[in-house]
Amino acid sequence: MPKFTIDHQSSQSAQVAYSKIKEFLANDQDIRKFDPKINCQFDDGAMSCKMNGSQFKADMNVAAAGNGSKVTVIVDLPLMLTPFKGKVTETLQKKLAKYLS
């Protein structure tokens, strides 16, 4: 399965960014359009999340970076869904910018 990484810098602290990402992953319906069966397992201590669904898998991590934080999302798409990589990337970047700005 092809993997790709999305990085997002935020001016918010790592803890605030992680809280907002938890809210985003729990409530946002755009991610569910890609995979309605997505399940998120959060690790509050490590500020990370493993997302497992029938269509894709992803790992998200929030880390302190300077005065803000850095969010890294590693998406693992099945080979048949590789043509949707651009749409997945675009949606995640927009959502991260929306929730973390």
PDB file of N, CA and C in Angstrom:
ATOM      1  N   MET A   1       0.838  -1.168   0.000  1.00  0.00           N
ATOM      2  CA  MET A   1       0.000   0.000   0.000  1.00  0.00           C
ATOM      3  C   MET A   1       0.893   1.244   0.000  1.00  0.00           C
ATOM      4  N   PRO A   2       0.649   2.153  -0.925  1.00  0.00           N
ATOM      5  CA  PRO A   2       1.450   3.380  -0.986  1.00  0.00           C
ATOM      6  C   PRO A   2       1.180   4.294   0.208  1.00  0.00           C
ATOM      7  N   LYS A   3       2.251   4.857   0.744  1.00  0.00           N
ATOM      8  CA  LYS A   3       2.138   5.785   1.865  1.00  0.00           C
ATOM      9  C   LYS A   3       2.581   7.168   1.417  1.00  0.00           C
ATOM     10  N   PHE A   4       1.955   8.179   2.012  1.00  0.00           N
ATOM     11  CA  PHE A   4       2.401   9.546   1.793  1.00  0.00           C
ATOM     12  C   PHE A   4       2.204  10.318   3.080  1.00  0.00           C
ATOM     13  N   THR A   5       2.971  11.404   3.215  1.00  0.00           N
ATOM     14  CA  THR A   5       2.993  12.180   4.460  1.00  0.00           C
ATOM     15  C   THR A   5       2.508  13.596   4.205  1.00  0.00           C
ATOM     16  N   ILE A   6       1.721  14.092   5.154  1.00  0.00           N
ATOM     17  CA  ILE A   6       1.256  15.477   5.137  1.00  0.00           C
ATOM     18  C   ILE A   6       1.750  16.114   6.428  1.00  0.00           C
ATOM     19  N   ASP A   7       2.481  17.221   6.310  1.00  0.00           N
ATOM     20  CA  ASP A   7       2.963  17.964   7.476  1.00  0.00           C
ATOM     21  C   ASP A   7       2.246  19.308   7.531  1.00  0.00           C
ATOM     22  N   HIS A   8       1.917  19.728   8.738  1.00  0.00           N
ATOM     23  CA  HIS A   8       1.264  21.023   8.927  1.00  0.00           C
ATOM     24  C   HIS A   8       1.864  21.714  10.147  1.00  0.00           C
ATOM     25  N   GLN A   9       2.339  22.930   9.961  1.00  0.00           N
ATOM     26  CA  GLN A   9       2.873  23.731  11.060  1.00  0.00           C
ATOM     27  C   GLN A   9       1.733  24.572  11.642  1.00  0.00           C
ATOM     28  N   SER A  10       1.685  24.674  12.955  1.00  0.00           N
ATOM     29  CA  SER A  10       0.656  25.472  13.614  1.00  0.00           C
ATOM     30  C   SER A  10       1.316  26.390  14.629  1.00  0.00           C
ATOM     31  N   SER A  11       0.729  27.561  14.813  1.00  0.00           N
ATOM     32  CA  SER A  11       1.244  28.487  15.819  1.00  0.00           C
ATOM     33  C   SER A  11       0.705  28.137  17.212  1.00  0.00           C
ATOM     34  N   GLN A  12      -0.221  27.187  17.276  1.00  0.00           N
ATOM     35  CA  GLN A  12      -0.794  26.779  18.553  1.00  0.00           C
ATOM     36  C   GLN A  12       0.098  25.752  19.236  1.00  0.00           C
ATOM     37  N   SER A  13      -0.005  25.699  20.549  1.00  0.00           N
ATOM     38  CA  SER A  13       0.797  24.724  21.298  1.00  0.00           C
ATOM     39  C   SER A  13       0.402  23.311  20.880  1.00  0.00           C
ATOM     40  N   ALA A  14       1.285  22.374  21.139  1.00  0.00           N
ATOM     41  CA  ALA A  14       1.026  20.989  20.765  1.00  0.00           C
ATOM     42  C   ALA A  14      -0.239  20.460  21.451  1.00  0.00           C
ATOM     43  N   GLN A  15      -0.437  20.791  22.716  1.00  0.00           N
ATOM     44  CA  GLN A  15      -1.606  20.291  23.447  1.00  0.00           C
ATOM     45  C   GLN A  15      -2.908  20.850  22.868  1.00  0.00           C
ATOM     46  N   VAL A  16      -2.920  22.149  22.561  1.00  0.00           N
ATOM     47  CA  VAL A  16      -4.117  22.767  21.972  1.00  0.00           C
ATOM     48  C   VAL A  16      -4.376  22.174  20.585  1.00  0.00           C
ATOM     49  N   ALA A  17      -3.324  22.028  19.786  1.00  0.00           N
ATOM     50  CA  ALA A  17      -3.470  21.454  18.444  1.00  0.00           C
ATOM     51  C   ALA A  17      -4.009  20.030  18.530  1.00  0.00           C
ATOM     52  N   TYR A  18      -3.498  19.235  19.455  1.00  0.00           N
ATOM     53  CA  TYR A  18      -3.958  17.858  19.617  1.00  0.00           C
ATOM     54  C   TYR A  18      -5.441  17.827  19.996  1.00  0.00           C
ATOM     55  N   SER A  19      -5.862  18.695  20.904  1.00  0.00           N
ATOM     56  CA  SER A  19      -7.271  18.751  21.315  1.00  0.00           C
ATOM     57  C   SER A  19      -8.168  19.096  20.132  1.00  0.00           C
ATOM     58  N   LYS A  20      -7.728  20.035  19.314  1.00  0.00           N
ATOM     59  CA  LYS A  20      -8.532  20.429  18.155  1.00  0.00           C
ATOM     60  C   LYS A  20      -8.585  19.322  17.112  1.00  0.00           C
ATOM     61  N   ILE A  21      -7.497  18.588  16.965  1.00  0.00           N
ATOM     62  CA  ILE A  21      -7.488  17.479  16.007  1.00  0.00           C
ATOM     63  C   ILE A  21      -8.402  16.354  16.497  1.00  0.00           C
ATOM     64  N   LYS A  22      -8.412  16.106  17.796  1.00  0.00           N
ATOM     65  CA  LYS A  22      -9.334  15.102  18.331  1.00  0.00           C
ATOM     66  C   LYS A  22     -10.772  15.482  18.012  1.00  0.00           C
ATOM     67  N   GLU A  23     -11.102  16.748  18.191  1.00  0.00           N
ATOM     68  CA  GLU A  23     -12.449  17.232  17.880  1.00  0.00           C
ATOM     69  C   GLU A  23     -12.742  17.055  16.387  1.00  0.00           C
ATOM     70  N   PHE A  24     -11.792  17.428  15.553  1.00  0.00           N
ATOM     71  CA  PHE A  24     -11.934  17.297  14.107  1.00  0.00           C
ATOM     72  C   PHE A  24     -12.190  15.851  13.703  1.00  0.00           C
ATOM     73  N   LEU A  25     -11.379  14.934  14.194  1.00  0.00           N
ATOM     74  CA  LEU A  25     -11.519  13.540  13.805  1.00  0.00           C
ATOM     75  C   LEU A  25     -12.797  12.906  14.361  1.00  0.00           C
ATOM     76  N   ALA A  26     -13.272  13.387  15.497  1.00  0.00           N
ATOM     77  CA  ALA A  26     -14.485  12.832  16.086  1.00  0.00           C
ATOM     78  C   ALA A  26     -15.746  13.357  15.406  1.00  0.00           C
ATOM     79  N   ASN A  27     -15.720  14.599  14.902  1.00  0.00           N
ATOM     80  CA  ASN A  27     -16.953  15.234  14.459  1.00  0.00           C
ATOM     81  C   ASN A  27     -17.038  15.581  12.978  1.00  0.00           C
ATOM     82  N   ASP A  28     -15.934  15.709  12.294  1.00  0.00           N
ATOM     83  CA  ASP A  28     -15.966  16.190  10.915  1.00  0.00           C
ATOM     84  C   ASP A  28     -16.447  15.095   9.960  1.00  0.00           C
ATOM     85  N   GLN A  29     -17.415  15.429   9.130  1.00  0.00           N
ATOM     86  CA  GLN A  29     -18.005  14.440   8.225  1.00  0.00           C
ATOM     87  C   GLN A  29     -17.243  14.282   6.910  1.00  0.00           C
ATOM     88  N   ASP A  30     -16.390  15.236   6.548  1.00  0.00           N
ATOM     89  CA  ASP A  30     -15.661  15.124   5.283  1.00  0.00           C
ATOM     90  C   ASP A  30     -14.710  13.930   5.271  1.00  0.00           C
ATOM     91  N   ILE A  31     -14.104  13.634   6.399  1.00  0.00           N
ATOM     92  CA  ILE A  31     -13.222  12.463   6.482  1.00  0.00           C
ATOM     93  C   ILE A  31     -14.045  11.190   6.332  1.00  0.00           C
ATOM     94  N   ARG A  32     -15.241  11.197   6.879  1.00  0.00           N
ATOM     95  CA  ARG A  32     -16.118  10.022   6.800  1.00  0.00           C
ATOM     96  C   ARG A  32     -16.622   9.776   5.381  1.00  0.00           C
ATOM     97  N   LYS A  33     -16.552  10.798   4.525  1.00  0.00           N
ATOM     98  CA  LYS A  33     -16.922  10.593   3.123  1.00  0.00           C
ATOM     99  C   LYS A  33     -15.929   9.659   2.443  1.00  0.00           C
ATOM    100  N   PHE A  34     -14.668   9.736   2.855  1.00  0.00           N
ATOM    101  CA  PHE A  34     -13.660   8.838   2.291  1.00  0.00           C
ATOM    102  C   PHE A  34     -13.819   7.421   2.821  1.00  0.00           C
ATOM    103  N   ASP A  35     -14.209   7.328   4.091  1.00  0.00           N
ATOM    104  CA  ASP A  35     -14.363   6.009   4.704  1.00  0.00           C
ATOM    105  C   ASP A  35     -15.302   6.108   5.903  1.00  0.00           C
ATOM    106  N   PRO A  36     -16.582   5.741   5.728  1.00  0.00           N
ATOM    107  CA  PRO A  36     -17.552   5.861   6.827  1.00  0.00           C
ATOM    108  C   PRO A  36     -17.252   4.940   8.014  1.00  0.00           C
ATOM    109  N   LYS A  37     -16.415   3.937   7.815  1.00  0.00           N
ATOM    110  CA  LYS A  37     -16.123   2.978   8.882  1.00  0.00           C
ATOM    111  C   LYS A  37     -14.836   3.301   9.623  1.00  0.00           C
ATOM    112  N   ILE A  38     -14.345   4.534   9.474  1.00  0.00           N
ATOM    113  CA  ILE A  38     -13.077   4.887  10.112  1.00  0.00           C
ATOM    114  C   ILE A  38     -13.208   4.858  11.634  1.00  0.00           C
ATOM    115  N   ASN A  39     -12.184   4.324  12.271  1.00  0.00           N
ATOM    116  CA  ASN A  39     -12.128   4.217  13.725  1.00  0.00           C
ATOM    117  C   ASN A  39     -10.831   4.879  14.185  1.00  0.00           C
ATOM    118  N   CYS A  40     -10.945   5.767  15.164  1.00  0.00           N
ATOM    119  CA  CYS A  40      -9.766   6.488  15.655  1.00  0.00           C
ATOM    120  C   CYS A  40      -9.404   6.007  17.054  1.00  0.00           C
ATOM    121  N   GLN A  41      -8.144   5.655  17.245  1.00  0.00           N
ATOM    122  CA  GLN A  41      -7.634   5.258  18.552  1.00  0.00           C
ATOM    123  C   GLN A  41      -6.609   6.300  18.980  1.00  0.00           C
ATOM    124  N   PHE A  42      -6.978   7.083  19.994  1.00  0.00           N
ATOM    125  CA  PHE A  42      -6.133   8.178  20.454  1.00  0.00           C
ATOM    126  C   PHE A  42      -5.218   7.730  21.583  1.00  0.00           C
ATOM    127  N   ASP A  43      -3.988   8.259  21.562  1.00  0.00           N
ATOM    128  CA  ASP A  43      -3.027   8.067  22.643  1.00  0.00           C
ATOM    129  C   ASP A  43      -2.699   9.466  23.157  1.00  0.00           C
ATOM    130  N   ASP A  44      -3.413   9.890  24.221  1.00  0.00           N
ATOM    131  CA  ASP A  44      -3.265  11.250  24.726  1.00  0.00           C
ATOM    132  C   ASP A  44      -1.849  11.533  25.222  1.00  0.00           C
ATOM    133  N   GLY A  45      -1.195  10.549  25.812  1.00  0.00           N
ATOM    134  CA  GLY A  45       0.162  10.747  26.325  1.00  0.00           C
ATOM    135  C   GLY A  45       1.159  11.055  25.219  1.00  0.00           C
ATOM    136  N   ALA A  46       1.019  10.369  24.100  1.00  0.00           N
ATOM    137  CA  ALA A  46       1.934  10.567  22.966  1.00  0.00           C
ATOM    138  C   ALA A  46       1.401  11.602  21.977  1.00  0.00           C
ATOM    139  N   MET A  47       0.203  12.120  22.226  1.00  0.00           N
ATOM    140  CA  MET A  47      -0.469  13.048  21.312  1.00  0.00           C
ATOM    141  C   MET A  47      -0.471  12.491  19.891  1.00  0.00           C
ATOM    142  N   SER A  48      -1.011  11.272  19.766  1.00  0.00           N
ATOM    143  CA  SER A  48      -1.062  10.611  18.471  1.00  0.00           C
ATOM    144  C   SER A  48      -2.400   9.904  18.294  1.00  0.00           C
ATOM    145  N   CYS A  49      -2.645   9.491  17.071  1.00  0.00           N
ATOM    146  CA  CYS A  49      -3.891   8.794  16.754  1.00  0.00           C
ATOM    147  C   CYS A  49      -3.627   7.815  15.624  1.00  0.00           C
ATOM    148  N   LYS A  50      -4.197   6.631  15.756  1.00  0.00           N
ATOM    149  CA  LYS A  50      -4.174   5.645  14.674  1.00  0.00           C
ATOM    150  C   LYS A  50      -5.587   5.583  14.117  1.00  0.00           C
ATOM    151  N   MET A  51      -5.696   5.790  12.806  1.00  0.00           N
ATOM    152  CA  MET A  51      -6.986   5.737  12.143  1.00  0.00           C
ATOM    153  C   MET A  51      -7.024   4.498  11.261  1.00  0.00           C
ATOM    154  N   ASN A  52      -8.045   3.679  11.477  1.00  0.00           N
ATOM    155  CA  ASN A  52      -8.206   2.464  10.690  1.00  0.00           C
ATOM    156  C   ASN A  52      -9.605   2.464  10.092  1.00  0.00           C
ATOM    157  N   GLY A  53      -9.667   2.186   8.811  1.00  0.00           N
ATOM    158  CA  GLY A  53     -10.943   2.102   8.137  1.00  0.00           C
ATOM    159  C   GLY A  53     -10.902   1.006   7.096  1.00  0.00           C
ATOM    160  N   SER A  54     -11.980   0.865   6.378  1.00  0.00           N
ATOM    161  CA  SER A  54     -12.017  -0.159   5.342  1.00  0.00           C
ATOM    162  C   SER A  54     -11.306   0.310   4.075  1.00  0.00           C
ATOM    163  N   GLN A  55     -11.164   1.642   3.903  1.00  0.00           N
ATOM    164  CA  GLN A  55     -10.556   2.184   2.696  1.00  0.00           C
ATOM    165  C   GLN A  55      -9.101   2.626   2.868  1.00  0.00           C
ATOM    166  N   PHE A  56      -8.733   3.069   4.060  1.00  0.00           N
ATOM    167  CA  PHE A  56      -7.367   3.547   4.270  1.00  0.00           C
ATOM    168  C   PHE A  56      -7.005   3.471   5.745  1.00  0.00           C
ATOM    169  N   LYS A  57      -5.703   3.643   6.003  1.00  0.00           N
ATOM    170  CA  LYS A  57      -5.176   3.721   7.364  1.00  0.00           C
ATOM    171  C   LYS A  57      -4.321   4.975   7.437  1.00  0.00           C
ATOM    172  N   ALA A  58      -4.223   5.550   8.629  1.00  0.00           N
ATOM    173  CA  ALA A  58      -3.389   6.729   8.788  1.00  0.00           C
ATOM    174  C   ALA A  58      -2.895   6.815  10.230  1.00  0.00           C
ATOM    175  N   ASP A  59      -1.735   7.419  10.403  1.00  0.00           N
ATOM    176  CA  ASP A  59      -1.173   7.708  11.716  1.00  0.00           C
ATOM    177  C   ASP A  59      -0.960   9.210  11.800  1.00  0.00           C
ATOM    178  N   MET A  60      -1.427   9.798  12.893  1.00  0.00           N
ATOM    179  CA  MET A  60      -1.286  11.227  13.112  1.00  0.00           C
ATOM    180  C   MET A  60      -0.506  11.444  14.384  1.00  0.00           C
ATOM    181  N   ASN A  61       0.399  12.439  14.354  1.00  0.00           N
ATOM    182  CA  ASN A  61       1.207  12.751  15.521  1.00  0.00           C
ATOM    183  C   ASN A  61       1.343  14.260  15.633  1.00  0.00           C
ATOM    184  N   VAL A  62       1.241  14.774  16.858  1.00  0.00           N
ATOM    185  CA  VAL A  62       1.437  16.203  17.119  1.00  0.00           C
ATOM    186  C   VAL A  62       2.668  16.340  17.998  1.00  0.00           C
ATOM    187  N   ALA A  63       3.559  17.234  17.618  1.00  0.00           N
ATOM    188  CA  ALA A  63       4.780  17.460  18.399  1.00  0.00           C
ATOM    189  C   ALA A  63       5.031  18.958  18.514  1.00  0.00           C
ATOM    190  N   ALA A  64       5.640  19.348  19.622  1.00  0.00           N
ATOM    191  CA  ALA A  64       6.016  20.749  19.805  1.00  0.00           C
ATOM    192  C   ALA A  64       7.086  21.098  18.783  1.00  0.00           C
ATOM    193  N   ALA A  65       6.978  22.314  18.226  1.00  0.00           N
ATOM    194  CA  ALA A  65       7.965  22.782  17.249  1.00  0.00           C
ATOM    195  C   ALA A  65       8.112  24.284  17.413  1.00  0.00           C
ATOM    196  N   GLY A  66       9.211  24.698  18.032  1.00  0.00           N
ATOM    197  CA  GLY A  66       9.424  26.118  18.269  1.00  0.00           C
ATOM    198  C   GLY A  66       8.351  26.676  19.194  1.00  0.00           C
ATOM    199  N   ASN A  67       7.698  27.768  18.775  1.00  0.00           N
ATOM    200  CA  ASN A  67       6.637  28.374  19.577  1.00  0.00           C
ATOM    201  C   ASN A  67       5.279  27.740  19.315  1.00  0.00           C
ATOM    202  N   GLY A  68       5.211  26.784  18.403  1.00  0.00           N
ATOM    203  CA  GLY A  68       3.935  26.171  18.040  1.00  0.00           C
ATOM    204  C   GLY A  68       4.020  24.658  18.046  1.00  0.00           C
ATOM    205  N   SER A  69       3.479  24.066  17.005  1.00  0.00           N
ATOM    206  CA  SER A  69       3.475  22.614  16.910  1.00  0.00           C
ATOM    207  C   SER A  69       3.533  22.177  15.455  1.00  0.00           C
ATOM    208  N   LYS A  70       3.861  20.912  15.275  1.00  0.00           N
ATOM    209  CA  LYS A  70       3.899  20.311  13.948  1.00  0.00           C
ATOM    210  C   LYS A  70       3.020  19.068  13.980  1.00  0.00           C
ATOM    211  N   VAL A  71       2.109  18.995  13.019  1.00  0.00           N
ATOM    212  CA  VAL A  71       1.230  17.845  12.888  1.00  0.00           C
ATOM    213  C   VAL A  71       1.701  17.048  11.683  1.00  0.00           C
ATOM    214  N   THR A  72       1.914  15.762  11.885  1.00  0.00           N
ATOM    215  CA  THR A  72       2.331  14.876  10.806  1.00  0.00           C
ATOM    216  C   THR A  72       1.274  13.792  10.646  1.00  0.00           C
ATOM    217  N   VAL A  73       0.795  13.623   9.421  1.00  0.00           N
ATOM    218  CA  VAL A  73      -0.176  12.583   9.114  1.00  0.00           C
ATOM    219  C   VAL A  73       0.444  11.695   8.040  1.00  0.00           C
ATOM    220  N   ILE A  74       0.548  10.406   8.326  1.00  0.00           N
ATOM    221  CA  ILE A  74       1.045   9.434   7.359  1.00  0.00           C
ATOM    222  C   ILE A  74      -0.147   8.592   6.928  1.00  0.00           C
ATOM    223  N   VAL A  75      -0.505   8.708   5.655  1.00  0.00           N
ATOM    224  CA  VAL A  75      -1.677   8.023   5.112  1.00  0.00           C
ATOM    225  C   VAL A  75      -1.216   6.821   4.306  1.00  0.00           C
ATOM    226  N   ASP A  76      -1.892   5.708   4.514  1.00  0.00           N
ATOM    227  CA  ASP A  76      -1.597   4.457   3.827  1.00  0.00           C
ATOM    228  C   ASP A  76      -2.820   4.088   2.991  1.00  0.00           C
ATOM    229  N   LEU A  77      -2.735   4.324   1.672  1.00  0.00           N
ATOM    230  CA  LEU A  77      -3.856   4.043   0.767  1.00  0.00           C
ATOM    231  C   LEU A  77      -3.646   2.719   0.044  1.00  0.00           C
ATOM    232  N   PRO A  78      -4.714   1.963  -0.171  1.00  0.00           N
ATOM    233  CA  PRO A  78      -4.581   0.780  -1.018  1.00  0.00           C
ATOM    234  C   PRO A  78      -4.231   1.208  -2.448  1.00  0.00           C
ATOM    235  N   LEU A  79      -3.587   0.336  -3.174  1.00  0.00           N
ATOM    236  CA  LEU A  79      -3.142   0.646  -4.525  1.00  0.00           C
ATOM    237  C   LEU A  79      -4.298   1.108  -5.412  1.00  0.00           C
ATOM    238  N   MET A  80      -5.465   0.531  -5.254  1.00  0.00           N
ATOM    239  CA  MET A  80      -6.610   0.884  -6.099  1.00  0.00           C
ATOM    240  C   MET A  80      -7.111   2.310  -5.836  1.00  0.00           C
ATOM    241  N   LEU A  81      -6.822   2.866  -4.670  1.00  0.00           N
ATOM    242  CA  LEU A  81      -7.287   4.210  -4.340  1.00  0.00           C
ATOM    243  C   LEU A  81      -6.221   5.282  -4.564  1.00  0.00           C
ATOM    244  N   THR A  82      -5.073   4.902  -5.100  1.00  0.00           N
ATOM    245  CA  THR A  82      -4.008   5.857  -5.340  1.00  0.00           C
ATOM    246  C   THR A  82      -4.451   7.044  -6.193  1.00  0.00           C
ATOM    247  N   PRO A  83      -5.356   6.883  -7.156  1.00  0.00           N
ATOM    248  CA  PRO A  83      -5.806   8.055  -7.918  1.00  0.00           C
ATOM    249  C   PRO A  83      -6.482   9.129  -7.053  1.00  0.00           C
ATOM    250  N   PHE A  84      -6.940   8.763  -5.859  1.00  0.00           N
ATOM    251  CA  PHE A  84      -7.589   9.719  -4.967  1.00  0.00           C
ATOM    252  C   PHE A  84      -6.619  10.383  -3.997  1.00  0.00           C
ATOM    253  N   LYS A  85      -5.335  10.100  -4.144  1.00  0.00           N
ATOM    254  CA  LYS A  85      -4.321  10.668  -3.246  1.00  0.00           C
ATOM    255  C   LYS A  85      -4.397  12.184  -3.214  1.00  0.00           C
ATOM    256  N   GLY A  86      -4.554  12.820  -4.359  1.00  0.00           N
ATOM    257  CA  GLY A  86      -4.620  14.274  -4.429  1.00  0.00           C
ATOM    258  C   GLY A  86      -5.799  14.832  -3.661  1.00  0.00           C
ATOM    259  N   LYS A  87      -6.956  14.201  -3.799  1.00  0.00           N
ATOM    260  CA  LYS A  87      -8.164  14.660  -3.107  1.00  0.00           C
ATOM    261  C   LYS A  87      -8.026  14.455  -1.600  1.00  0.00           C
ATOM    262  N   VAL A  88      -7.469  13.328  -1.186  1.00  0.00           N
ATOM    263  CA  VAL A  88      -7.258  13.058   0.241  1.00  0.00           C
ATOM    264  C   VAL A  88      -6.293  14.093   0.815  1.00  0.00           C
ATOM    265  N   THR A  89      -5.198  14.352   0.117  1.00  0.00           N
ATOM    266  CA  THR A  89      -4.210  15.330   0.564  1.00  0.00           C
ATOM    267  C   THR A  89      -4.828  16.712   0.678  1.00  0.00           C
ATOM    268  N   GLU A  90      -5.553  17.124  -0.340  1.00  0.00           N
ATOM    269  CA  GLU A  90      -6.184  18.439  -0.347  1.00  0.00           C
ATOM    270  C   GLU A  90      -7.173  18.590   0.814  1.00  0.00           C
ATOM    271  N   THR A  91      -7.998  17.582   1.034  1.00  0.00           N
ATOM    272  CA  THR A  91      -8.988  17.641   2.115  1.00  0.00           C
ATOM    273  C   THR A  91      -8.310  17.724   3.473  1.00  0.00           C
ATOM    274  N   LEU A  92      -7.305  16.895   3.707  1.00  0.00           N
ATOM    275  CA  LEU A  92      -6.612  16.921   4.995  1.00  0.00           C
ATOM    276  C   LEU A  92      -5.910  18.257   5.220  1.00  0.00           C
ATOM    277  N   GLN A  93      -5.271  18.803   4.197  1.00  0.00           N
ATOM    278  CA  GLN A  93      -4.588  20.090   4.350  1.00  0.00           C
ATOM    279  C   GLN A  93      -5.575  21.207   4.676  1.00  0.00           C
ATOM    280  N   LYS A  94      -6.716  21.219   3.983  1.00  0.00           N
ATOM    281  CA  LYS A  94      -7.744  22.236   4.252  1.00  0.00           C
ATOM    282  C   LYS A  94      -8.273  22.109   5.675  1.00  0.00           C
ATOM    283  N   LYS A  95      -8.539  20.897   6.111  1.00  0.00           N
ATOM    284  CA  LYS A  95      -9.097  20.676   7.443  1.00  0.00           C
ATOM    285  C   LYS A  95      -8.092  21.031   8.534  1.00  0.00           C
ATOM    286  N   LEU A  96      -6.843  20.668   8.338  1.00  0.00           N
ATOM    287  CA  LEU A  96      -5.822  21.017   9.321  1.00  0.00           C
ATOM    288  C   LEU A  96      -5.684  22.537   9.412  1.00  0.00           C
ATOM    289  N   ALA A  97      -5.694  23.206   8.267  1.00  0.00           N
ATOM    290  CA  ALA A  97      -5.600  24.675   8.277  1.00  0.00           C
ATOM    291  C   ALA A  97      -6.817  25.281   8.965  1.00  0.00           C
ATOM    292  N   LYS A  98      -7.999  24.738   8.723  1.00  0.00           N
ATOM    293  CA  LYS A  98      -9.222  25.262   9.314  1.00  0.00           C
ATOM    294  C   LYS A  98      -9.216  25.100  10.830  1.00  0.00           C
ATOM    295  N   TYR A  99      -8.900  23.926  11.308  1.00  0.00           N
ATOM    296  CA  TYR A  99      -8.972  23.648  12.745  1.00  0.00           C
ATOM    297  C   TYR A  99      -7.796  24.212  13.517  1.00  0.00           C
ATOM    298  N   LEU A 100      -6.655  24.411  12.861  1.00  0.00           N
ATOM    299  CA  LEU A 100      -5.448  24.830  13.580  1.00  0.00           C
ATOM    300  C   LEU A 100      -5.030  26.266  13.296  1.00  0.00           C
ATOM    301  N   SER A 101      -5.886  27.050  12.657  1.00  0.00           N
ATOM    302  CA  SER A 101      -5.507  28.442  12.385  1.00  0.00           C
ATOM    303  C   SER A 101      -6.023  29.365  13.475  1.00  0.00           C
TER     304      SER A 101
END
